[in-house]
């Protein structure tokens, strides 16, 4: 689902739980027919969180090709599915290419 960014999008205020640190866990490029609701369903985040993370005031004003930050907990960036590839080693412990 896109590239791994795991970077701070500079939230105006901490979303939902101020004790959690949120970052941009993915970047989605808006396609024809997309809505914030459909994007929120695809990534399992709320529309309000998408709006806040991307400073969107009008949820009906998406543009084709627009880049949307997909917010998530910073701790989620540390999970293996966010790494672009697994570090593979041979039986001697030498790192192999992905």
PDB file of N, CA and C in Angstrom:
ATOM      1  N   UNK A   1       0.814  -1.191   0.000  1.00  0.00           N
ATOM      2  CA  UNK A   1       0.000   0.000   0.000  1.00  0.00           C
ATOM      3  C   UNK A   1       0.854   1.251   0.000  1.00  0.00           C
ATOM      4  N   UNK A   2       1.606   1.528  -0.964  1.00  0.00           N
ATOM      5  CA  UNK A   2       2.376   2.752  -0.997  1.00  0.00           C
ATOM      6  C   UNK A   2       3.720   2.612  -0.304  1.00  0.00           C
ATOM      7  N   UNK A   3       4.363   3.749  -0.144  1.00  0.00           N
ATOM      8  CA  UNK A   3       5.688   3.732   0.451  1.00  0.00           C
ATOM      9  C   UNK A   3       5.617   3.986   1.944  1.00  0.00           C
ATOM     10  N   UNK A   4       6.632   3.569   2.646  1.00  0.00           N
ATOM     11  CA  UNK A   4       6.700   3.769   4.087  1.00  0.00           C
ATOM     12  C   UNK A   4       7.348   5.119   4.366  1.00  0.00           C
ATOM     13  N   UNK A   5       6.632   5.993   5.063  1.00  0.00           N
ATOM     14  CA  UNK A   5       7.191   7.292   5.387  1.00  0.00           C
ATOM     15  C   UNK A   5       7.434   7.443   6.868  1.00  0.00           C
ATOM     16  N   UNK A   6       6.474   7.038   7.681  1.00  0.00           N
ATOM     17  CA  UNK A   6       6.592   7.123   9.133  1.00  0.00           C
ATOM     18  C   UNK A   6       7.270   8.412   9.553  1.00  0.00           C
ATOM     19  N   UNK A   7       6.720   9.510   9.105  1.00  0.00           N
ATOM     20  CA  UNK A   7       7.269  10.809   9.460  1.00  0.00           C
ATOM     21  C   UNK A   7       6.174  11.656  10.072  1.00  0.00           C
ATOM     22  N   UNK A   8       6.551  12.604  10.862  1.00  0.00           N
ATOM     23  CA  UNK A   8       5.567  13.454  11.520  1.00  0.00           C
ATOM     24  C   UNK A   8       4.943  14.400  10.509  1.00  0.00           C
ATOM     25  N   UNK A   9       3.621  14.378  10.393  1.00  0.00           N
ATOM     26  CA  UNK A   9       2.968  15.295   9.469  1.00  0.00           C
ATOM     27  C   UNK A   9       2.711  16.660  10.101  1.00  0.00           C
ATOM     28  N   UNK A  10       3.126  16.860  11.338  1.00  0.00           N
ATOM     29  CA  UNK A  10       2.917  18.137  11.997  1.00  0.00           C
ATOM     30  C   UNK A  10       1.452  18.365  12.339  1.00  0.00           C
ATOM     31  N   UNK A  11       0.869  17.431  13.066  1.00  0.00           N
ATOM     32  CA  UNK A  11      -0.527  17.558  13.450  1.00  0.00           C
ATOM     33  C   UNK A  11      -0.745  18.869  14.196  1.00  0.00           C
ATOM     34  N   UNK A  12      -1.839  19.579  13.922  1.00  0.00           N
ATOM     35  CA  UNK A  12      -2.137  20.816  14.631  1.00  0.00           C
ATOM     36  C   UNK A  12      -2.312  20.584  16.134  1.00  0.00           C
ATOM     37  N   UNK A  13      -2.867  19.465  16.497  1.00  0.00           N
ATOM     38  CA  UNK A  13      -2.991  19.071  17.900  1.00  0.00           C
ATOM     39  C   UNK A  13      -2.997  17.550  17.918  1.00  0.00           C
ATOM     40  N   UNK A  14      -2.599  16.930  19.022  1.00  0.00           N
ATOM     41  CA  UNK A  14      -2.559  15.466  19.047  1.00  0.00           C
ATOM     42  C   UNK A  14      -3.946  14.882  18.822  1.00  0.00           C
ATOM     43  N   UNK A  15      -4.108  13.999  17.837  1.00  0.00           N
ATOM     44  CA  UNK A  15      -5.403  13.401  17.572  1.00  0.00           C
ATOM     45  C   UNK A  15      -5.819  12.424  18.668  1.00  0.00           C
ATOM     46  N   UNK A  16      -7.057  12.443  19.014  1.00  0.00           N
ATOM     47  CA  UNK A  16      -7.728  11.517  19.918  1.00  0.00           C
ATOM     48  C   UNK A  16      -7.051  11.364  21.278  1.00  0.00           C
ATOM     49  N   UNK A  17      -5.922  10.719  21.349  1.00  0.00           N
ATOM     50  CA  UNK A  17      -5.279  10.434  22.616  1.00  0.00           C
ATOM     51  C   UNK A  17      -3.958  11.187  22.697  1.00  0.00           C
ATOM     52  N   UNK A  18      -3.881  12.247  23.516  1.00  0.00           N
ATOM     53  CA  UNK A  18      -2.665  13.058  23.551  1.00  0.00           C
ATOM     54  C   UNK A  18      -1.423  12.305  24.029  1.00  0.00           C
ATOM     55  N   UNK A  19      -1.591  11.150  24.678  1.00  0.00           N
ATOM     56  CA  UNK A  19      -0.423  10.405  25.130  1.00  0.00           C
ATOM     57  C   UNK A  19       0.212   9.593  23.996  1.00  0.00           C
ATOM     58  N   UNK A  20      -0.498   9.429  22.913  1.00  0.00           N
ATOM     59  CA  UNK A  20       0.022   8.690  21.745  1.00  0.00           C
ATOM     60  C   UNK A  20       0.653   9.683  20.774  1.00  0.00           C
ATOM     61  N   UNK A  21       1.770   9.323  20.185  1.00  0.00           N
ATOM     62  CA  UNK A  21       2.371  10.159  19.163  1.00  0.00           C
ATOM     63  C   UNK A  21       1.980   9.610  17.801  1.00  0.00           C
ATOM     64  N   UNK A  22       1.398  10.472  16.961  1.00  0.00           N
ATOM     65  CA  UNK A  22       0.938  10.068  15.644  1.00  0.00           C
ATOM     66  C   UNK A  22       1.875  10.594  14.571  1.00  0.00           C
ATOM     67  N   UNK A  23       2.049   9.774  13.542  1.00  0.00           N
ATOM     68  CA  UNK A  23       2.913  10.120  12.418  1.00  0.00           C
ATOM     69  C   UNK A  23       2.215   9.699  11.135  1.00  0.00           C
ATOM     70  N   UNK A  24       2.818  10.056  10.040  1.00  0.00           N
ATOM     71  CA  UNK A  24       2.312   9.660   8.733  1.00  0.00           C
ATOM     72  C   UNK A  24       2.887   8.270   8.429  1.00  0.00           C
ATOM     73  N   UNK A  25       2.031   7.242   8.510  1.00  0.00           N
ATOM     74  CA  UNK A  25       2.519   5.877   8.313  1.00  0.00           C
ATOM     75  C   UNK A  25       2.503   5.449   6.852  1.00  0.00           C
ATOM     76  N   UNK A  26       1.782   6.201   6.021  1.00  0.00           N
ATOM     77  CA  UNK A  26       1.706   5.893   4.603  1.00  0.00           C
ATOM     78  C   UNK A  26       1.263   7.157   3.884  1.00  0.00           C
ATOM     79  N   UNK A  27       1.484   7.214   2.586  1.00  0.00           N
ATOM     80  CA  UNK A  27       1.005   8.321   1.771  1.00  0.00           C
ATOM     81  C   UNK A  27       0.180   7.715   0.649  1.00  0.00           C
ATOM     82  N   UNK A  28      -1.039   8.232   0.498  1.00  0.00           N
ATOM     83  CA  UNK A  28      -1.959   7.725  -0.519  1.00  0.00           C
ATOM     84  C   UNK A  28      -2.153   8.801  -1.572  1.00  0.00           C
ATOM     85  N   UNK A  29      -2.130   8.409  -2.840  1.00  0.00           N
ATOM     86  CA  UNK A  29      -2.398   9.339  -3.933  1.00  0.00           C
ATOM     87  C   UNK A  29      -3.856   9.188  -4.342  1.00  0.00           C
ATOM     88  N   UNK A  30      -4.595  10.286  -4.275  1.00  0.00           N
ATOM     89  CA  UNK A  30      -6.029  10.285  -4.575  1.00  0.00           C
ATOM     90  C   UNK A  30      -6.256   9.920  -6.041  1.00  0.00           C
ATOM     91  N   UNK A  31      -7.200   9.007  -6.242  1.00  0.00           N
ATOM     92  CA  UNK A  31      -7.586   8.571  -7.594  1.00  0.00           C
ATOM     93  C   UNK A  31      -8.984   9.070  -7.905  1.00  0.00           C
ATOM     94  N   UNK A  32      -9.354   8.984  -9.139  1.00  0.00           N
ATOM     95  CA  UNK A  32     -10.691   9.383  -9.553  1.00  0.00           C
ATOM     96  C   UNK A  32     -11.736   8.557  -8.794  1.00  0.00           C
ATOM     97  N   UNK A  33     -12.720   9.224  -8.220  1.00  0.00           N
ATOM     98  CA  UNK A  33     -13.791   8.541  -7.505  1.00  0.00           C
ATOM     99  C   UNK A  33     -13.534   8.360  -6.020  1.00  0.00           C
ATOM    100  N   UNK A  34     -12.318   8.660  -5.559  1.00  0.00           N
ATOM    101  CA  UNK A  34     -12.009   8.524  -4.137  1.00  0.00           C
ATOM    102  C   UNK A  34     -12.748   9.574  -3.311  1.00  0.00           C
ATOM    103  N   UNK A  35     -13.086   9.190  -2.101  1.00  0.00           N
ATOM    104  CA  UNK A  35     -13.616  10.114  -1.102  1.00  0.00           C
ATOM    105  C   UNK A  35     -12.799   9.907   0.168  1.00  0.00           C
ATOM    106  N   UNK A  36     -12.872  10.865   1.075  1.00  0.00           N
ATOM    107  CA  UNK A  36     -12.172  10.662   2.344  1.00  0.00           C
ATOM    108  C   UNK A  36     -12.731   9.441   3.055  1.00  0.00           C
ATOM    109  N   UNK A  37     -14.041   9.220   2.912  1.00  0.00           N
ATOM    110  CA  UNK A  37     -14.649   8.054   3.545  1.00  0.00           C
ATOM    111  C   UNK A  37     -14.065   6.760   2.974  1.00  0.00           C
ATOM    112  N   UNK A  38     -13.961   6.662   1.650  1.00  0.00           N
ATOM    113  CA  UNK A  38     -13.434   5.422   1.049  1.00  0.00           C
ATOM    114  C   UNK A  38     -11.966   5.213   1.432  1.00  0.00           C
ATOM    115  N   UNK A  39     -11.202   6.294   1.508  1.00  0.00           N
ATOM    116  CA  UNK A  39      -9.796   6.183   1.921  1.00  0.00           C
ATOM    117  C   UNK A  39      -9.720   5.765   3.385  1.00  0.00           C
ATOM    118  N   UNK A  40     -10.604   6.345   4.212  1.00  0.00           N
ATOM    119  CA  UNK A  40     -10.601   6.003   5.642  1.00  0.00           C
ATOM    120  C   UNK A  40     -10.937   4.529   5.852  1.00  0.00           C
ATOM    121  N   UNK A  41     -11.860   4.005   5.056  1.00  0.00           N
ATOM    122  CA  UNK A  41     -12.225   2.594   5.154  1.00  0.00           C
ATOM    123  C   UNK A  41     -11.072   1.690   4.721  1.00  0.00           C
ATOM    124  N   UNK A  42     -10.376   2.101   3.674  1.00  0.00           N
ATOM    125  CA  UNK A  42      -9.266   1.305   3.153  1.00  0.00           C
ATOM    126  C   UNK A  42      -8.135   1.184   4.181  1.00  0.00           C
ATOM    127  N   UNK A  43      -7.887   2.274   4.919  1.00  0.00           N
ATOM    128  CA  UNK A  43      -6.775   2.304   5.867  1.00  0.00           C
ATOM    129  C   UNK A  43      -7.204   2.169   7.323  1.00  0.00           C
ATOM    130  N   UNK A  44      -8.503   2.001   7.545  1.00  0.00           N
ATOM    131  CA  UNK A  44      -9.030   1.812   8.899  1.00  0.00           C
ATOM    132  C   UNK A  44      -8.682   2.971   9.845  1.00  0.00           C
ATOM    133  N   UNK A  45      -8.872   4.182   9.345  1.00  0.00           N
ATOM    134  CA  UNK A  45      -8.727   5.395  10.156  1.00  0.00           C
ATOM    135  C   UNK A  45      -9.989   6.227   9.973  1.00  0.00           C
ATOM    136  N   UNK A  46     -10.259   7.120  10.904  1.00  0.00           N
ATOM    137  CA  UNK A  46     -11.475   7.931  10.801  1.00  0.00           C
ATOM    138  C   UNK A  46     -11.303   9.062   9.786  1.00  0.00           C
ATOM    139  N   UNK A  47     -12.425   9.496   9.231  1.00  0.00           N
ATOM    140  CA  UNK A  47     -12.416  10.630   8.309  1.00  0.00           C
ATOM    141  C   UNK A  47     -11.879  11.867   9.033  1.00  0.00           C
ATOM    142  N   UNK A  48     -12.308  12.062  10.288  1.00  0.00           N
ATOM    143  CA  UNK A  48     -11.856  13.242  11.028  1.00  0.00           C
ATOM    144  C   UNK A  48     -10.344  13.217  11.241  1.00  0.00           C
ATOM    145  N   UNK A  49      -9.769  12.033  11.451  1.00  0.00           N
ATOM    146  CA  UNK A  49      -8.315  11.942  11.618  1.00  0.00           C
ATOM    147  C   UNK A  49      -7.607  12.260  10.297  1.00  0.00           C
ATOM    148  N   UNK A  50      -8.147  11.776   9.178  1.00  0.00           N
ATOM    149  CA  UNK A  50      -7.565  12.116   7.872  1.00  0.00           C
ATOM    150  C   UNK A  50      -7.621  13.624   7.636  1.00  0.00           C
ATOM    151  N   UNK A  51      -8.767  14.215   7.981  1.00  0.00           N
ATOM    152  CA  UNK A  51      -8.927  15.660   7.797  1.00  0.00           C
ATOM    153  C   UNK A  51      -7.928  16.427   8.658  1.00  0.00           C
ATOM    154  N   UNK A  52      -7.764  16.011   9.895  1.00  0.00           N
ATOM    155  CA  UNK A  52      -6.855  16.699  10.803  1.00  0.00           C
ATOM    156  C   UNK A  52      -5.404  16.539  10.363  1.00  0.00           C
ATOM    157  N   UNK A  53      -5.017  15.330  10.010  1.00  0.00           N
ATOM    158  CA  UNK A  53      -3.634  15.056   9.614  1.00  0.00           C
ATOM    159  C   UNK A  53      -3.234  15.817   8.360  1.00  0.00           C
ATOM    160  N   UNK A  54      -4.209  16.041   7.475  1.00  0.00           N
ATOM    161  CA  UNK A  54      -3.923  16.682   6.195  1.00  0.00           C
ATOM    162  C   UNK A  54      -4.421  18.121   6.126  1.00  0.00           C
ATOM    163  N   UNK A  55      -4.927  18.621   7.268  1.00  0.00           N
ATOM    164  CA  UNK A  55      -5.457  19.992   7.353  1.00  0.00           C
ATOM    165  C   UNK A  55      -6.502  20.247   6.267  1.00  0.00           C
ATOM    166  N   UNK A  56      -7.402  19.300   6.117  1.00  0.00           N
ATOM    167  CA  UNK A  56      -8.470  19.404   5.125  1.00  0.00           C
ATOM    168  C   UNK A  56      -9.690  20.032   5.799  1.00  0.00           C
ATOM    169  N   UNK A  57     -10.160  21.142   5.263  1.00  0.00           N
ATOM    170  CA  UNK A  57     -11.325  21.810   5.821  1.00  0.00           C
ATOM    171  C   UNK A  57     -12.617  21.341   5.168  1.00  0.00           C
ATOM    172  N   UNK A  58     -12.553  21.056   3.866  1.00  0.00           N
ATOM    173  CA  UNK A  58     -13.729  20.609   3.129  1.00  0.00           C
ATOM    174  C   UNK A  58     -13.492  19.183   2.629  1.00  0.00           C
ATOM    175  N   UNK A  59     -14.164  18.189   3.228  1.00  0.00           N
ATOM    176  CA  UNK A  59     -13.907  16.793   2.848  1.00  0.00           C
ATOM    177  C   UNK A  59     -14.342  16.452   1.417  1.00  0.00           C
ATOM    178  N   UNK A  60     -15.098  17.343   0.774  1.00  0.00           N
ATOM    179  CA  UNK A  60     -15.565  17.089  -0.593  1.00  0.00           C
ATOM    180  C   UNK A  60     -14.661  17.747  -1.632  1.00  0.00           C
ATOM    181  N   UNK A  61     -13.535  18.270  -1.196  1.00  0.00           N
ATOM    182  CA  UNK A  61     -12.663  19.005  -2.097  1.00  0.00           C
ATOM    183  C   UNK A  61     -11.351  18.271  -2.360  1.00  0.00           C
ATOM    184  N   UNK A  62     -11.408  16.950  -2.545  1.00  0.00           N
ATOM    185  CA  UNK A  62     -10.205  16.185  -2.898  1.00  0.00           C
ATOM    186  C   UNK A  62      -9.883  16.397  -4.367  1.00  0.00           C
ATOM    187  N   UNK A  63      -8.599  16.384  -4.694  1.00  0.00           N
ATOM    188  CA  UNK A  63      -8.186  16.527  -6.084  1.00  0.00           C
ATOM    189  C   UNK A  63      -7.459  15.267  -6.547  1.00  0.00           C
ATOM    190  N   UNK A  64      -7.720  14.883  -7.775  1.00  0.00           N
ATOM    191  CA  UNK A  64      -7.022  13.755  -8.393  1.00  0.00           C
ATOM    192  C   UNK A  64      -5.517  14.024  -8.299  1.00  0.00           C
ATOM    193  N   UNK A  65      -4.761  13.036  -7.815  1.00  0.00           N
ATOM    194  CA  UNK A  65      -3.309  13.161  -7.707  1.00  0.00           C
ATOM    195  C   UNK A  65      -2.825  13.744  -6.386  1.00  0.00           C
ATOM    196  N   UNK A  66      -3.765  14.243  -5.576  1.00  0.00           N
ATOM    197  CA  UNK A  66      -3.406  14.812  -4.273  1.00  0.00           C
ATOM    198  C   UNK A  66      -2.806  13.727  -3.383  1.00  0.00           C
ATOM    199  N   UNK A  67      -1.766  14.069  -2.638  1.00  0.00           N
ATOM    200  CA  UNK A  67      -1.126  13.137  -1.711  1.00  0.00           C
ATOM    201  C   UNK A  67      -1.777  13.311  -0.341  1.00  0.00           C
ATOM    202  N   UNK A  68      -2.233  12.200   0.230  1.00  0.00           N
ATOM    203  CA  UNK A  68      -2.898  12.201   1.525  1.00  0.00           C
ATOM    204  C   UNK A  68      -2.040  11.421   2.515  1.00  0.00           C
ATOM    205  N   UNK A  69      -1.722  12.067   3.639  1.00  0.00           N
ATOM    206  CA  UNK A  69      -1.008  11.397   4.723  1.00  0.00           C
ATOM    207  C   UNK A  69      -1.981  10.456   5.423  1.00  0.00           C
ATOM    208  N   UNK A  70      -1.574   9.211   5.610  1.00  0.00           N
ATOM    209  CA  UNK A  70      -2.375   8.251   6.365  1.00  0.00           C
ATOM    210  C   UNK A  70      -1.782   8.204   7.772  1.00  0.00           C
ATOM    211  N   UNK A  71      -2.522   8.744   8.753  1.00  0.00           N
ATOM    212  CA  UNK A  71      -1.979   8.822  10.103  1.00  0.00           C
ATOM    213  C   UNK A  71      -2.056   7.498  10.843  1.00  0.00           C
ATOM    214  N   UNK A  72      -1.121   7.305  11.732  1.00  0.00           N
ATOM    215  CA  UNK A  72      -1.111   6.127  12.582  1.00  0.00           C
ATOM    216  C   UNK A  72      -0.225   6.374  13.780  1.00  0.00           C
ATOM    217  N   UNK A  73      -0.275   5.474  14.716  1.00  0.00           N
ATOM    218  CA  UNK A  73       0.556   5.593  15.915  1.00  0.00           C
ATOM    219  C   UNK A  73       2.013   5.391  15.548  1.00  0.00           C
ATOM    220  N   UNK A  74       2.862   6.183  16.155  1.00  0.00           N
ATOM    221  CA  UNK A  74       4.301   6.062  15.886  1.00  0.00           C
ATOM    222  C   UNK A  74       4.781   4.649  16.206  1.00  0.00           C
ATOM    223  N   UNK A  75       4.204   4.061  17.242  1.00  0.00           N
ATOM    224  CA  UNK A  75       4.609   2.701  17.623  1.00  0.00           C
ATOM    225  C   UNK A  75       4.307   1.692  16.516  1.00  0.00           C
ATOM    226  N   UNK A  76       3.311   1.979  15.652  1.00  0.00           N
ATOM    227  CA  UNK A  76       2.985   1.081  14.544  1.00  0.00           C
ATOM    228  C   UNK A  76       4.083   1.066  13.484  1.00  0.00           C
ATOM    229  N   UNK A  77       4.887   2.116  13.429  1.00  0.00           N
ATOM    230  CA  UNK A  77       5.972   2.184  12.439  1.00  0.00           C
ATOM    231  C   UNK A  77       7.064   1.175  12.742  1.00  0.00           C
ATOM    232  N   UNK A  78       7.102   0.725  13.969  1.00  0.00           N
ATOM    233  CA  UNK A  78       8.142  -0.207  14.363  1.00  0.00           C
ATOM    234  C   UNK A  78       7.770  -1.651  14.037  1.00  0.00           C
ATOM    235  N   UNK A  79       6.542  -1.874  13.573  1.00  0.00           N
ATOM    236  CA  UNK A  79       6.102  -3.231  13.250  1.00  0.00           C
ATOM    237  C   UNK A  79       6.726  -3.671  11.925  1.00  0.00           C
ATOM    238  N   UNK A  80       7.021  -4.944  11.771  1.00  0.00           N
ATOM    239  CA  UNK A  80       7.711  -5.447  10.579  1.00  0.00           C
ATOM    240  C   UNK A  80       7.033  -5.119   9.255  1.00  0.00           C
ATOM    241  N   UNK A  81       5.697  -5.020   9.208  1.00  0.00           N
ATOM    242  CA  UNK A  81       5.046  -4.780   7.916  1.00  0.00           C
ATOM    243  C   UNK A  81       5.368  -3.402   7.349  1.00  0.00           C
ATOM    244  N   UNK A  82       5.975  -2.520   8.142  1.00  0.00           N
ATOM    245  CA  UNK A  82       6.329  -1.198   7.652  1.00  0.00           C
ATOM    246  C   UNK A  82       7.742  -1.145   7.086  1.00  0.00           C
ATOM    247  N   UNK A  83       8.514  -2.228   7.210  1.00  0.00           N
ATOM    248  CA  UNK A  83       9.844  -2.236   6.647  1.00  0.00           C
ATOM    249  C   UNK A  83       9.743  -2.622   5.177  1.00  0.00           C
ATOM    250  N   UNK A  84      10.518  -1.941   4.305  1.00  0.00           N
ATOM    251  CA  UNK A  84      10.391  -2.202   2.870  1.00  0.00           C
ATOM    252  C   UNK A  84      10.803  -3.614   2.473  1.00  0.00           C
ATOM    253  N   UNK A  85      11.683  -4.225   3.211  1.00  0.00           N
ATOM    254  CA  UNK A  85      12.067  -5.609   2.944  1.00  0.00           C
ATOM    255  C   UNK A  85      12.669  -6.190   4.209  1.00  0.00           C
ATOM    256  N   UNK A  86      12.652  -7.487   4.257  1.00  0.00           N
ATOM    257  CA  UNK A  86      13.243  -8.180   5.400  1.00  0.00           C
ATOM    258  C   UNK A  86      14.734  -8.271   5.205  1.00  0.00           C
ATOM    259  N   UNK A  87      15.476  -8.109   6.266  1.00  0.00           N
ATOM    260  CA  UNK A  87      16.917  -8.317   6.172  1.00  0.00           C
ATOM    261  C   UNK A  87      17.158  -9.813   6.146  1.00  0.00           C
ATOM    262  N   UNK A  88      17.655 -10.291   5.031  1.00  0.00           N
ATOM    263  CA  UNK A  88      17.877 -11.722   4.872  1.00  0.00           C
ATOM    264  C   UNK A  88      19.356 -12.031   5.007  1.00  0.00           C
ATOM    265  N   UNK A  89      19.631 -13.114   5.670  1.00  0.00           N
ATOM    266  CA  UNK A  89      21.032 -13.542   5.800  1.00  0.00           C
ATOM    267  C   UNK A  89      21.131 -14.981   5.337  1.00  0.00           C
ATOM    268  N   UNK A  90      22.297 -15.339   4.857  1.00  0.00           N
ATOM    269  CA  UNK A  90      22.492 -16.740   4.492  1.00  0.00           C
ATOM    270  C   UNK A  90      22.858 -17.520   5.756  1.00  0.00           C
ATOM    271  N   UNK A  91      23.188 -18.771   5.600  1.00  0.00           N
ATOM    272  CA  UNK A  91      23.479 -19.619   6.773  1.00  0.00           C
ATOM    273  C   UNK A  91      24.748 -19.195   7.508  1.00  0.00           C
ATOM    274  N   UNK A  92      25.578 -18.407   6.857  1.00  0.00           N
ATOM    275  CA  UNK A  92      26.825 -17.931   7.480  1.00  0.00           C
ATOM    276  C   UNK A  92      26.609 -16.582   8.182  1.00  0.00           C
ATOM    277  N   UNK A  93      25.388 -16.026   8.115  1.00  0.00           N
ATOM    278  CA  UNK A  93      25.109 -14.746   8.755  1.00  0.00           C
ATOM    279  C   UNK A  93      25.436 -13.540   7.903  1.00  0.00           C
ATOM    280  N   UNK A  94      25.780 -13.765   6.624  1.00  0.00           N
ATOM    281  CA  UNK A  94      26.084 -12.663   5.730  1.00  0.00           C
ATOM    282  C   UNK A  94      24.776 -12.132   5.148  1.00  0.00           C
ATOM    283  N   UNK A  95      24.650 -10.808   5.126  1.00  0.00           N
ATOM    284  CA  UNK A  95      23.412 -10.216   4.610  1.00  0.00           C
ATOM    285  C   UNK A  95      23.318 -10.391   3.111  1.00  0.00           C
ATOM    286  N   UNK A  96      22.127 -10.784   2.663  1.00  0.00           N
ATOM    287  CA  UNK A  96      21.861 -10.982   1.246  1.00  0.00           C
ATOM    288  C   UNK A  96      21.007  -9.828   0.746  1.00  0.00           C
ATOM    289  N   UNK A  97      21.015  -9.568  -0.567  1.00  0.00           N
ATOM    290  CA  UNK A  97      20.161  -8.501  -1.113  1.00  0.00           C
ATOM    291  C   UNK A  97      18.690  -8.903  -1.033  1.00  0.00           C
ATOM    292  N   UNK A  98      17.809  -7.857  -1.008  1.00  0.00           N
ATOM    293  CA  UNK A  98      16.359  -8.130  -0.909  1.00  0.00           C
ATOM    294  C   UNK A  98      15.807  -8.848  -2.104  1.00  0.00           C
TER     295      UNK A  98
END
